[in-house]
Amino acid sequence: MTTWIVLGVIVVLVIMVISIYNRLVSLRNRRENAFADIDVQLRQRHDLIPQLLNTVKGYMKHEEGVLTKVTEGRSRAMSTSSIDGKIAAEAELTRALGGLQIQLEAYPDLKANQNFMHLQSEISDVENKLAAARRFFNMATKEYNTEIQKFPAVVFAGMLGFKVSPMFDLGQERATMEKPPEISF
């Protein structure tokens, strides 16, 4: 009788571990799929940046440092393959693009250029799609991280190779982005 009880407990434990493992694998795959959506938008963004820079170069010859930062940031973002590395590289590229936007304010002729306006519109569209994809990715990451940290999964997650994953956020840029824009006349 005792043997059957022990065997029953072992079977229940094995079924529970299998269930936990399958749930965590499903959540990890959902997170990776969500990042694939971000990757598509990032590629579109990376394709538009050289066009934007070529349009801007003629106007901003003496602003070479800003253009170099954007180019280097794009290069790093494109060459990184891990999700965590891409998150860091994209945060750097976002900061560089922010610096470019600030510099562009000093060039009213450029802002009136049709090609520039079209590229700005395309980049704005991609950024909006990217923001939506980031929200979905962060939701999937939160769900994955929560499941890893809940009992009884927390007992087995580490042993099964699952670890908490970072969100795709703006990092230091968050404070800047959360400030309302200053409007002056």
N, C-alpha and C. Protein backbone atom coordinates (compact mmCIF):
# COMPACT_ATOMS: atom_id res chain seq x y z
N MET A 1 0.82 -1.20 0.00
CA MET A 1 0.00 0.00 0.00
C MET A 1 0.86 1.26 0.00
N THR A 2 1.90 1.29 0.84
CA THR A 2 2.80 2.43 0.92
C THR A 2 3.50 2.65 -0.42
N THR A 3 3.82 1.58 -1.10
CA THR A 3 4.49 1.68 -2.39
C THR A 3 3.58 2.38 -3.40
N TRP A 4 2.29 2.06 -3.38
CA TRP A 4 1.35 2.69 -4.30
C TRP A 4 1.19 4.17 -4.01
N ILE A 5 1.19 4.54 -2.74
CA ILE A 5 1.07 5.95 -2.37
C ILE A 5 2.30 6.72 -2.84
N VAL A 6 3.49 6.17 -2.59
CA VAL A 6 4.73 6.81 -3.03
C VAL A 6 4.76 6.92 -4.55
N LEU A 7 4.38 5.85 -5.20
CA LEU A 7 4.35 5.85 -6.66
C LEU A 7 3.33 6.88 -7.18
N GLY A 8 2.19 6.97 -6.53
CA GLY A 8 1.18 7.97 -6.90
C GLY A 8 1.69 9.39 -6.73
N VAL A 9 2.39 9.67 -5.63
CA VAL A 9 2.97 10.99 -5.38
C VAL A 9 4.01 11.31 -6.44
N ILE A 10 4.83 10.36 -6.79
CA ILE A 10 5.86 10.56 -7.82
C ILE A 10 5.21 10.86 -9.17
N VAL A 11 4.17 10.12 -9.53
CA VAL A 11 3.48 10.34 -10.79
C VAL A 11 2.87 11.75 -10.83
N VAL A 12 2.21 12.15 -9.74
CA VAL A 12 1.62 13.49 -9.65
C VAL A 12 2.71 14.55 -9.78
N LEU A 13 3.83 14.34 -9.11
CA LEU A 13 4.95 15.29 -9.16
C LEU A 13 5.51 15.39 -10.58
N VAL A 14 5.68 14.27 -11.25
CA VAL A 14 6.19 14.27 -12.62
C VAL A 14 5.21 14.99 -13.55
N ILE A 15 3.93 14.72 -13.41
CA ILE A 15 2.92 15.39 -14.23
C ILE A 15 2.94 16.89 -13.98
N MET A 16 3.10 17.29 -12.72
CA MET A 16 3.15 18.71 -12.38
C MET A 16 4.38 19.37 -13.01
N VAL A 17 5.54 18.74 -12.94
CA VAL A 17 6.76 19.30 -13.53
C VAL A 17 6.61 19.40 -15.05
N ILE A 18 6.05 18.39 -15.67
CA ILE A 18 5.84 18.42 -17.12
C ILE A 18 4.90 19.57 -17.49
N SER A 19 3.84 19.73 -16.73
CA SER A 19 2.89 20.81 -16.98
C SER A 19 3.55 22.18 -16.83
N ILE A 20 4.32 22.35 -15.77
CA ILE A 20 5.03 23.62 -15.55
C ILE A 20 6.00 23.88 -16.69
N TYR A 21 6.76 22.86 -17.07
CA TYR A 21 7.74 23.02 -18.14
C TYR A 21 7.05 23.43 -19.45
N ASN A 22 5.97 22.74 -19.79
CA ASN A 22 5.25 23.06 -21.03
C ASN A 22 4.69 24.47 -21.00
N ARG A 23 4.17 24.92 -19.87
CA ARG A 23 3.64 26.28 -19.75
C ARG A 23 4.75 27.30 -19.94
N LEU A 24 5.91 27.07 -19.31
CA LEU A 24 7.03 28.00 -19.42
C LEU A 24 7.58 28.04 -20.84
N VAL A 25 7.65 26.90 -21.50
CA VAL A 25 8.11 26.86 -22.89
C VAL A 25 7.15 27.65 -23.77
N SER A 26 5.86 27.47 -23.55
CA SER A 26 4.85 28.20 -24.32
C SER A 26 5.00 29.70 -24.13
N LEU A 27 5.19 30.15 -22.90
CA LEU A 27 5.34 31.57 -22.62
C LEU A 27 6.65 32.12 -23.20
N ARG A 28 7.71 31.35 -23.11
CA ARG A 28 8.99 31.79 -23.69
C ARG A 28 8.86 31.93 -25.20
N ASN A 29 8.19 31.00 -25.84
CA ASN A 29 8.00 31.07 -27.29
C ASN A 29 7.12 32.25 -27.68
N ARG A 30 6.11 32.54 -26.88
CA ARG A 30 5.26 33.71 -27.15
C ARG A 30 6.09 34.98 -27.06
N ARG A 31 6.98 35.05 -26.07
CA ARG A 31 7.86 36.22 -25.92
C ARG A 31 8.77 36.35 -27.13
N GLU A 32 9.36 35.25 -27.56
CA GLU A 32 10.25 35.29 -28.72
C GLU A 32 9.49 35.66 -29.99
N ASN A 33 8.28 35.17 -30.13
CA ASN A 33 7.44 35.54 -31.28
C ASN A 33 7.12 37.03 -31.25
N ALA A 34 6.83 37.55 -30.06
CA ALA A 34 6.56 38.98 -29.93
C ALA A 34 7.79 39.79 -30.33
N PHE A 35 8.97 39.30 -29.99
CA PHE A 35 10.18 40.03 -30.38
C PHE A 35 10.39 39.96 -31.89
N ALA A 36 9.96 38.89 -32.52
CA ALA A 36 10.07 38.79 -33.98
C ALA A 36 9.26 39.91 -34.63
N ASP A 37 8.10 40.25 -34.05
CA ASP A 37 7.31 41.38 -34.56
C ASP A 37 8.07 42.69 -34.42
N ILE A 38 8.75 42.85 -33.29
CA ILE A 38 9.57 44.05 -33.08
C ILE A 38 10.69 44.07 -34.10
N ASP A 39 11.29 42.93 -34.34
CA ASP A 39 12.41 42.84 -35.29
C ASP A 39 12.01 43.31 -36.68
N VAL A 40 10.81 42.98 -37.12
CA VAL A 40 10.33 43.43 -38.43
C VAL A 40 10.29 44.95 -38.47
N GLN A 41 9.74 45.56 -37.43
CA GLN A 41 9.66 47.02 -37.38
C GLN A 41 11.05 47.64 -37.28
N LEU A 42 11.93 47.01 -36.53
CA LEU A 42 13.30 47.53 -36.41
C LEU A 42 14.02 47.50 -37.75
N ARG A 43 13.79 46.45 -38.53
CA ARG A 43 14.42 46.38 -39.86
C ARG A 43 13.91 47.50 -40.76
N GLN A 44 12.60 47.77 -40.71
CA GLN A 44 12.07 48.87 -41.50
C GLN A 44 12.69 50.19 -41.05
N ARG A 45 12.81 50.34 -39.75
CA ARG A 45 13.42 51.56 -39.20
C ARG A 45 14.86 51.68 -39.67
N HIS A 46 15.60 50.57 -39.62
CA HIS A 46 17.00 50.58 -40.04
C HIS A 46 17.13 50.88 -41.53
N ASP A 47 16.16 50.44 -42.33
CA ASP A 47 16.19 50.73 -43.77
C ASP A 47 15.90 52.20 -44.06
N LEU A 48 15.08 52.84 -43.25
CA LEU A 48 14.72 54.24 -43.48
C LEU A 48 15.80 55.21 -43.00
N ILE A 49 16.57 54.81 -42.00
CA ILE A 49 17.57 55.72 -41.43
C ILE A 49 18.59 56.20 -42.46
N PRO A 50 19.20 55.33 -43.29
CA PRO A 50 20.16 55.85 -44.28
C PRO A 50 19.53 56.85 -45.25
N GLN A 51 18.28 56.62 -45.64
CA GLN A 51 17.61 57.56 -46.53
C GLN A 51 17.44 58.91 -45.86
N LEU A 52 17.03 58.87 -44.60
CA LEU A 52 16.87 60.11 -43.84
C LEU A 52 18.21 60.83 -43.69
N LEU A 53 19.26 60.07 -43.36
CA LEU A 53 20.58 60.69 -43.18
C LEU A 53 21.10 61.30 -44.47
N ASN A 54 20.89 60.63 -45.59
CA ASN A 54 21.35 61.19 -46.87
C ASN A 54 20.62 62.49 -47.20
N THR A 55 19.35 62.56 -46.86
CA THR A 55 18.59 63.78 -47.09
C THR A 55 19.11 64.91 -46.20
N VAL A 56 19.43 64.56 -44.97
CA VAL A 56 19.85 65.56 -43.98
C VAL A 56 21.29 66.02 -44.19
N LYS A 57 22.15 65.15 -44.71
CA LYS A 57 23.59 65.46 -44.83
C LYS A 57 23.86 66.77 -45.57
N GLY A 58 23.14 67.00 -46.62
CA GLY A 58 23.36 68.23 -47.39
C GLY A 58 23.11 69.48 -46.57
N TYR A 59 22.20 69.41 -45.64
CA TYR A 59 21.86 70.57 -44.82
C TYR A 59 22.75 70.69 -43.59
N MET A 60 23.22 69.57 -43.09
CA MET A 60 23.91 69.56 -41.79
C MET A 60 25.38 69.19 -41.90
N LYS A 61 26.10 69.79 -42.80
CA LYS A 61 27.51 69.43 -42.98
C LYS A 61 28.31 69.59 -41.69
N HIS A 62 28.04 70.60 -40.92
CA HIS A 62 28.84 70.84 -39.70
C HIS A 62 28.29 70.08 -38.49
N GLU A 63 27.24 69.28 -38.66
CA GLU A 63 26.68 68.48 -37.57
C GLU A 63 27.08 67.01 -37.72
N GLU A 64 28.27 66.78 -38.18
CA GLU A 64 28.75 65.44 -38.50
C GLU A 64 28.68 64.48 -37.31
N GLY A 65 28.92 64.98 -36.08
CA GLY A 65 28.90 64.13 -34.89
C GLY A 65 27.55 63.48 -34.66
N VAL A 66 26.48 64.21 -34.87
CA VAL A 66 25.13 63.68 -34.67
C VAL A 66 24.87 62.58 -35.69
N LEU A 67 25.24 62.83 -36.94
CA LEU A 67 25.02 61.84 -37.99
C LEU A 67 25.84 60.58 -37.74
N THR A 68 27.05 60.76 -37.24
CA THR A 68 27.92 59.62 -36.93
C THR A 68 27.30 58.77 -35.83
N LYS A 69 26.77 59.39 -34.79
CA LYS A 69 26.15 58.64 -33.69
C LYS A 69 24.96 57.82 -34.18
N VAL A 70 24.16 58.40 -35.06
CA VAL A 70 23.01 57.67 -35.59
C VAL A 70 23.48 56.49 -36.43
N THR A 71 24.47 56.73 -37.28
CA THR A 71 25.00 55.67 -38.14
C THR A 71 25.60 54.54 -37.31
N GLU A 72 26.40 54.89 -36.31
CA GLU A 72 27.02 53.86 -35.45
C GLU A 72 25.96 53.11 -34.65
N GLY A 73 24.97 53.83 -34.15
CA GLY A 73 23.89 53.19 -33.40
C GLY A 73 23.12 52.21 -34.26
N ARG A 74 22.84 52.60 -35.50
CA ARG A 74 22.14 51.72 -36.43
C ARG A 74 22.97 50.47 -36.71
N SER A 75 24.26 50.66 -36.92
CA SER A 75 25.15 49.53 -37.20
C SER A 75 25.18 48.54 -36.04
N ARG A 76 25.29 49.05 -34.81
CA ARG A 76 25.30 48.16 -33.64
C ARG A 76 23.95 47.44 -33.49
N ALA A 77 22.88 48.16 -33.71
CA ALA A 77 21.54 47.57 -33.58
C ALA A 77 21.33 46.45 -34.60
N MET A 78 21.87 46.63 -35.79
CA MET A 78 21.69 45.63 -36.84
C MET A 78 22.59 44.41 -36.64
N SER A 79 23.75 44.60 -35.99
CA SER A 79 24.69 43.49 -35.87
C SER A 79 24.47 42.65 -34.61
N THR A 80 23.64 43.11 -33.69
CA THR A 80 23.40 42.36 -32.47
C THR A 80 22.35 41.30 -32.73
N SER A 81 22.58 40.09 -32.20
CA SER A 81 21.64 39.00 -32.49
C SER A 81 20.79 38.60 -31.29
N SER A 82 21.25 38.79 -30.07
CA SER A 82 20.46 38.36 -28.92
C SER A 82 19.37 39.38 -28.61
N ILE A 83 18.30 38.93 -28.01
CA ILE A 83 17.20 39.83 -27.66
C ILE A 83 17.67 40.89 -26.69
N ASP A 84 18.40 40.49 -25.65
CA ASP A 84 18.89 41.45 -24.67
C ASP A 84 19.83 42.47 -25.30
N GLY A 85 20.71 42.01 -26.20
CA GLY A 85 21.63 42.91 -26.89
C GLY A 85 20.89 43.89 -27.79
N LYS A 86 19.86 43.41 -28.47
CA LYS A 86 19.08 44.30 -29.34
C LYS A 86 18.35 45.36 -28.52
N ILE A 87 17.86 44.97 -27.36
CA ILE A 87 17.16 45.93 -26.50
C ILE A 87 18.12 47.07 -26.15
N ALA A 88 19.34 46.74 -25.74
CA ALA A 88 20.32 47.77 -25.37
C ALA A 88 20.73 48.61 -26.59
N ALA A 89 20.98 47.96 -27.72
CA ALA A 89 21.41 48.67 -28.92
C ALA A 89 20.30 49.59 -29.44
N GLU A 90 19.07 49.14 -29.38
CA GLU A 90 17.96 49.97 -29.86
C GLU A 90 17.74 51.17 -28.94
N ALA A 91 17.97 51.02 -27.65
CA ALA A 91 17.87 52.16 -26.73
C ALA A 91 18.91 53.21 -27.10
N GLU A 92 20.11 52.76 -27.45
CA GLU A 92 21.17 53.68 -27.87
C GLU A 92 20.80 54.38 -29.18
N LEU A 93 20.25 53.64 -30.13
CA LEU A 93 19.85 54.22 -31.41
C LEU A 93 18.71 55.23 -31.20
N THR A 94 17.79 54.92 -30.32
CA THR A 94 16.69 55.84 -30.03
C THR A 94 17.22 57.16 -29.46
N ARG A 95 18.22 57.08 -28.59
CA ARG A 95 18.84 58.30 -28.04
C ARG A 95 19.52 59.09 -29.15
N ALA A 96 20.22 58.41 -30.06
CA ALA A 96 20.89 59.10 -31.17
C ALA A 96 19.88 59.77 -32.09
N LEU A 97 18.79 59.09 -32.38
CA LEU A 97 17.74 59.68 -33.22
C LEU A 97 17.11 60.89 -32.53
N GLY A 98 16.98 60.82 -31.21
CA GLY A 98 16.47 61.97 -30.46
C GLY A 98 17.39 63.17 -30.60
N GLY A 99 18.71 62.93 -30.56
CA GLY A 99 19.68 64.00 -30.77
C GLY A 99 19.58 64.59 -32.16
N LEU A 100 19.31 63.74 -33.14
CA LEU A 100 19.13 64.21 -34.52
C LEU A 100 17.88 65.09 -34.62
N GLN A 101 16.82 64.69 -33.98
CA GLN A 101 15.59 65.49 -34.02
C GLN A 101 15.81 66.87 -33.42
N ILE A 102 16.56 66.94 -32.35
CA ILE A 102 16.85 68.24 -31.72
C ILE A 102 17.64 69.12 -32.68
N GLN A 103 18.64 68.55 -33.36
CA GLN A 103 19.46 69.31 -34.30
C GLN A 103 18.63 69.80 -35.49
N LEU A 104 17.66 69.01 -35.90
CA LEU A 104 16.85 69.36 -37.07
C LEU A 104 16.01 70.61 -36.84
N GLU A 105 15.72 70.92 -35.60
CA GLU A 105 14.91 72.10 -35.30
C GLU A 105 15.56 73.38 -35.83
N ALA A 106 16.89 73.38 -35.97
CA ALA A 106 17.62 74.57 -36.42
C ALA A 106 17.62 74.72 -37.94
N TYR A 107 16.95 73.82 -38.67
CA TYR A 107 17.01 73.83 -40.14
C TYR A 107 15.60 73.91 -40.74
N PRO A 108 15.01 75.11 -40.79
CA PRO A 108 13.65 75.23 -41.32
C PRO A 108 13.55 74.85 -42.80
N ASP A 109 14.58 75.09 -43.60
CA ASP A 109 14.54 74.71 -45.01
C ASP A 109 14.44 73.20 -45.17
N LEU A 110 15.17 72.49 -44.33
CA LEU A 110 15.16 71.03 -44.38
C LEU A 110 13.77 70.51 -44.01
N LYS A 111 13.18 71.09 -42.99
CA LYS A 111 11.87 70.64 -42.53
C LYS A 111 10.79 70.86 -43.58
N ALA A 112 11.03 71.75 -44.53
CA ALA A 112 10.07 72.01 -45.60
C ALA A 112 10.34 71.14 -46.82
N ASN A 113 11.45 70.43 -46.87
CA ASN A 113 11.81 69.59 -48.00
C ASN A 113 10.84 68.40 -48.09
N GLN A 114 10.26 68.17 -49.29
CA GLN A 114 9.24 67.13 -49.47
C GLN A 114 9.80 65.73 -49.17
N ASN A 115 11.00 65.44 -49.65
CA ASN A 115 11.59 64.12 -49.42
C ASN A 115 11.78 63.90 -47.91
N PHE A 116 12.26 64.91 -47.23
CA PHE A 116 12.47 64.82 -45.80
C PHE A 116 11.13 64.60 -45.08
N MET A 117 10.12 65.35 -45.50
CA MET A 117 8.80 65.23 -44.85
C MET A 117 8.23 63.82 -45.05
N HIS A 118 8.42 63.28 -46.25
CA HIS A 118 7.94 61.92 -46.53
C HIS A 118 8.67 60.91 -45.65
N LEU A 119 9.98 61.03 -45.56
CA LEU A 119 10.75 60.11 -44.72
C LEU A 119 10.35 60.24 -43.26
N GLN A 120 10.16 61.46 -42.80
CA GLN A 120 9.73 61.68 -41.41
C GLN A 120 8.39 60.99 -41.16
N SER A 121 7.49 61.08 -42.13
CA SER A 121 6.19 60.44 -41.99
C SER A 121 6.33 58.92 -41.92
N GLU A 122 7.17 58.36 -42.78
CA GLU A 122 7.40 56.91 -42.76
C GLU A 122 8.02 56.46 -41.45
N ILE A 123 9.01 57.21 -40.98
CA ILE A 123 9.66 56.86 -39.72
C ILE A 123 8.67 56.97 -38.56
N SER A 124 7.84 57.99 -38.60
CA SER A 124 6.82 58.14 -37.56
C SER A 124 5.87 56.95 -37.56
N ASP A 125 5.48 56.50 -38.74
CA ASP A 125 4.60 55.34 -38.85
C ASP A 125 5.28 54.09 -38.28
N VAL A 126 6.53 53.89 -38.65
CA VAL A 126 7.28 52.73 -38.14
C VAL A 126 7.43 52.82 -36.62
N GLU A 127 7.71 54.01 -36.10
CA GLU A 127 7.85 54.18 -34.65
C GLU A 127 6.55 53.85 -33.93
N ASN A 128 5.42 54.22 -34.51
CA ASN A 128 4.13 53.88 -33.91
C ASN A 128 3.90 52.37 -33.90
N LYS A 129 4.21 51.72 -35.01
CA LYS A 129 4.07 50.27 -35.07
C LYS A 129 5.04 49.60 -34.09
N LEU A 130 6.24 50.16 -33.99
CA LEU A 130 7.24 49.64 -33.07
C LEU A 130 6.78 49.77 -31.62
N ALA A 131 6.16 50.88 -31.30
CA ALA A 131 5.65 51.07 -29.94
C ALA A 131 4.58 50.02 -29.61
N ALA A 132 3.71 49.74 -30.57
CA ALA A 132 2.68 48.72 -30.35
C ALA A 132 3.31 47.34 -30.19
N ALA A 133 4.30 47.04 -31.01
CA ALA A 133 4.98 45.74 -30.91
C ALA A 133 5.73 45.62 -29.58
N ARG A 134 6.33 46.72 -29.11
CA ARG A 134 7.01 46.71 -27.81
C ARG A 134 6.02 46.44 -26.68
N ARG A 135 4.84 47.07 -26.76
CA ARG A 135 3.84 46.83 -25.72
C ARG A 135 3.46 45.35 -25.68
N PHE A 136 3.24 44.73 -26.84
CA PHE A 136 2.89 43.32 -26.88
C PHE A 136 4.05 42.47 -26.35
N PHE A 137 5.27 42.80 -26.75
CA PHE A 137 6.45 42.08 -26.26
C PHE A 137 6.57 42.20 -24.75
N ASN A 138 6.40 43.40 -24.22
CA ASN A 138 6.51 43.60 -22.78
C ASN A 138 5.40 42.87 -22.02
N MET A 139 4.22 42.79 -22.62
CA MET A 139 3.14 42.03 -22.00
C MET A 139 3.51 40.54 -21.95
N ALA A 140 4.04 40.02 -23.06
CA ALA A 140 4.45 38.62 -23.10
C ALA A 140 5.60 38.36 -22.13
N THR A 141 6.53 39.31 -22.04
CA THR A 141 7.65 39.17 -21.11
C THR A 141 7.16 39.19 -19.67
N LYS A 142 6.24 40.07 -19.37
CA LYS A 142 5.69 40.16 -18.01
C LYS A 142 4.98 38.86 -17.63
N GLU A 143 4.20 38.33 -18.55
CA GLU A 143 3.50 37.07 -18.29
C GLU A 143 4.49 35.94 -18.06
N TYR A 144 5.54 35.88 -18.88
CA TYR A 144 6.58 34.87 -18.75
C TYR A 144 7.30 35.00 -17.40
N ASN A 145 7.72 36.22 -17.07
CA ASN A 145 8.43 36.45 -15.81
C ASN A 145 7.55 36.15 -14.61
N THR A 146 6.28 36.52 -14.67
CA THR A 146 5.36 36.25 -13.57
C THR A 146 5.21 34.76 -13.35
N GLU A 147 5.07 34.01 -14.44
CA GLU A 147 4.90 32.56 -14.32
C GLU A 147 6.14 31.91 -13.71
N ILE A 148 7.31 32.39 -14.08
CA ILE A 148 8.56 31.85 -13.52
C ILE A 148 8.64 32.10 -12.02
N GLN A 149 8.10 33.21 -11.58
CA GLN A 149 8.23 33.61 -10.18
C GLN A 149 7.11 33.08 -9.29
N LYS A 150 6.07 32.48 -9.87
CA LYS A 150 4.95 31.96 -9.09
C LYS A 150 5.26 30.56 -8.58
N PHE A 151 4.70 30.24 -7.43
CA PHE A 151 4.84 28.91 -6.87
C PHE A 151 3.82 28.00 -7.54
N PRO A 152 4.12 26.83 -7.91
CA PRO A 152 5.31 26.02 -7.68
C PRO A 152 6.36 26.12 -8.79
N ALA A 153 6.08 26.92 -9.86
CA ALA A 153 7.02 27.01 -10.97
C ALA A 153 8.38 27.53 -10.53
N VAL A 154 8.40 28.43 -9.54
CA VAL A 154 9.66 28.99 -9.07
C VAL A 154 10.61 27.90 -8.57
N VAL A 155 10.05 26.83 -8.04
CA VAL A 155 10.86 25.73 -7.53
C VAL A 155 11.59 25.01 -8.67
N PHE A 156 10.93 24.91 -9.81
CA PHE A 156 11.49 24.12 -10.91
C PHE A 156 12.07 24.96 -12.05
N ALA A 157 11.69 26.23 -12.16
CA ALA A 157 12.10 27.06 -13.30
C ALA A 157 13.62 27.13 -13.45
N GLY A 158 14.32 27.40 -12.37
CA GLY A 158 15.78 27.49 -12.43
C GLY A 158 16.40 26.18 -12.85
N MET A 159 15.89 25.10 -12.30
CA MET A 159 16.44 23.77 -12.65
C MET A 159 16.18 23.42 -14.11
N LEU A 160 15.09 23.95 -14.66
CA LEU A 160 14.73 23.65 -16.04
C LEU A 160 15.33 24.64 -17.03
N GLY A 161 16.10 25.62 -16.53
CA GLY A 161 16.80 26.56 -17.42
C GLY A 161 16.03 27.83 -17.75
N PHE A 162 14.99 28.14 -17.02
CA PHE A 162 14.21 29.35 -17.27
C PHE A 162 14.67 30.44 -16.31
N LYS A 163 14.83 31.65 -16.83
CA LYS A 163 15.24 32.78 -15.99
C LYS A 163 14.44 34.01 -16.38
N VAL A 164 14.38 34.96 -15.47
CA VAL A 164 13.65 36.21 -15.71
C VAL A 164 14.30 36.95 -16.87
N SER A 165 13.48 37.49 -17.76
CA SER A 165 13.95 38.19 -18.95
C SER A 165 13.63 39.67 -18.86
N PRO A 166 14.48 40.52 -19.48
CA PRO A 166 14.25 41.97 -19.41
C PRO A 166 13.12 42.43 -20.33
N MET A 167 12.51 43.52 -19.94
CA MET A 167 11.50 44.17 -20.77
C MET A 167 12.21 45.00 -21.84
N PHE A 168 11.49 45.40 -22.85
CA PHE A 168 12.03 46.29 -23.88
C PHE A 168 11.53 47.68 -23.56
N ASP A 169 12.31 48.40 -22.76
CA ASP A 169 11.87 49.74 -22.39
C ASP A 169 12.87 50.77 -22.88
N LEU A 170 12.56 52.00 -22.62
CA LEU A 170 13.39 53.10 -23.11
C LEU A 170 14.55 53.42 -22.18
N GLY A 171 14.62 52.76 -21.04
CA GLY A 171 15.72 52.99 -20.11
C GLY A 171 15.79 54.43 -19.66
N GLN A 172 16.94 55.04 -19.83
CA GLN A 172 17.15 56.42 -19.40
C GLN A 172 16.27 57.39 -20.17
N GLU A 173 15.87 57.04 -21.36
CA GLU A 173 15.05 57.92 -22.18
C GLU A 173 13.64 58.06 -21.64
N ARG A 174 13.22 57.14 -20.76
CA ARG A 174 11.85 57.17 -20.23
C ARG A 174 11.54 58.52 -19.58
N ALA A 175 12.47 59.06 -18.79
CA ALA A 175 12.23 60.34 -18.12
C ALA A 175 12.02 61.45 -19.14
N THR A 176 12.80 61.45 -20.20
CA THR A 176 12.67 62.46 -21.25
C THR A 176 11.34 62.30 -21.99
N MET A 177 10.98 61.06 -22.29
CA MET A 177 9.77 60.80 -23.06
C MET A 177 8.51 61.10 -22.25
N GLU A 178 8.57 60.97 -20.94
CA GLU A 178 7.39 61.17 -20.10
C GLU A 178 7.13 62.64 -19.81
N LYS A 179 8.12 63.51 -20.08
CA LYS A 179 7.91 64.95 -19.88
C LYS A 179 7.04 65.48 -21.00
N PRO A 180 6.07 66.32 -20.65
CA PRO A 180 5.27 66.90 -21.73
C PRO A 180 6.11 67.85 -22.57
N PRO A 181 5.80 67.97 -23.85
CA PRO A 181 6.58 68.87 -24.70
C PRO A 181 6.39 70.34 -24.28
N GLU A 182 7.47 71.09 -24.44
CA GLU A 182 7.40 72.52 -24.14
C GLU A 182 6.94 73.25 -25.38
N ILE A 183 5.94 74.07 -25.23
CA ILE A 183 5.40 74.82 -26.36
C ILE A 183 5.64 76.32 -26.06
N SER A 184 6.30 76.97 -27.00
CA SER A 184 6.54 78.40 -26.81
C SER A 184 6.22 79.13 -28.11
N PHE A 185 5.78 80.38 -27.95
CA PHE A 185 5.43 81.21 -29.11
C PHE A 185 6.32 82.40 -29.19
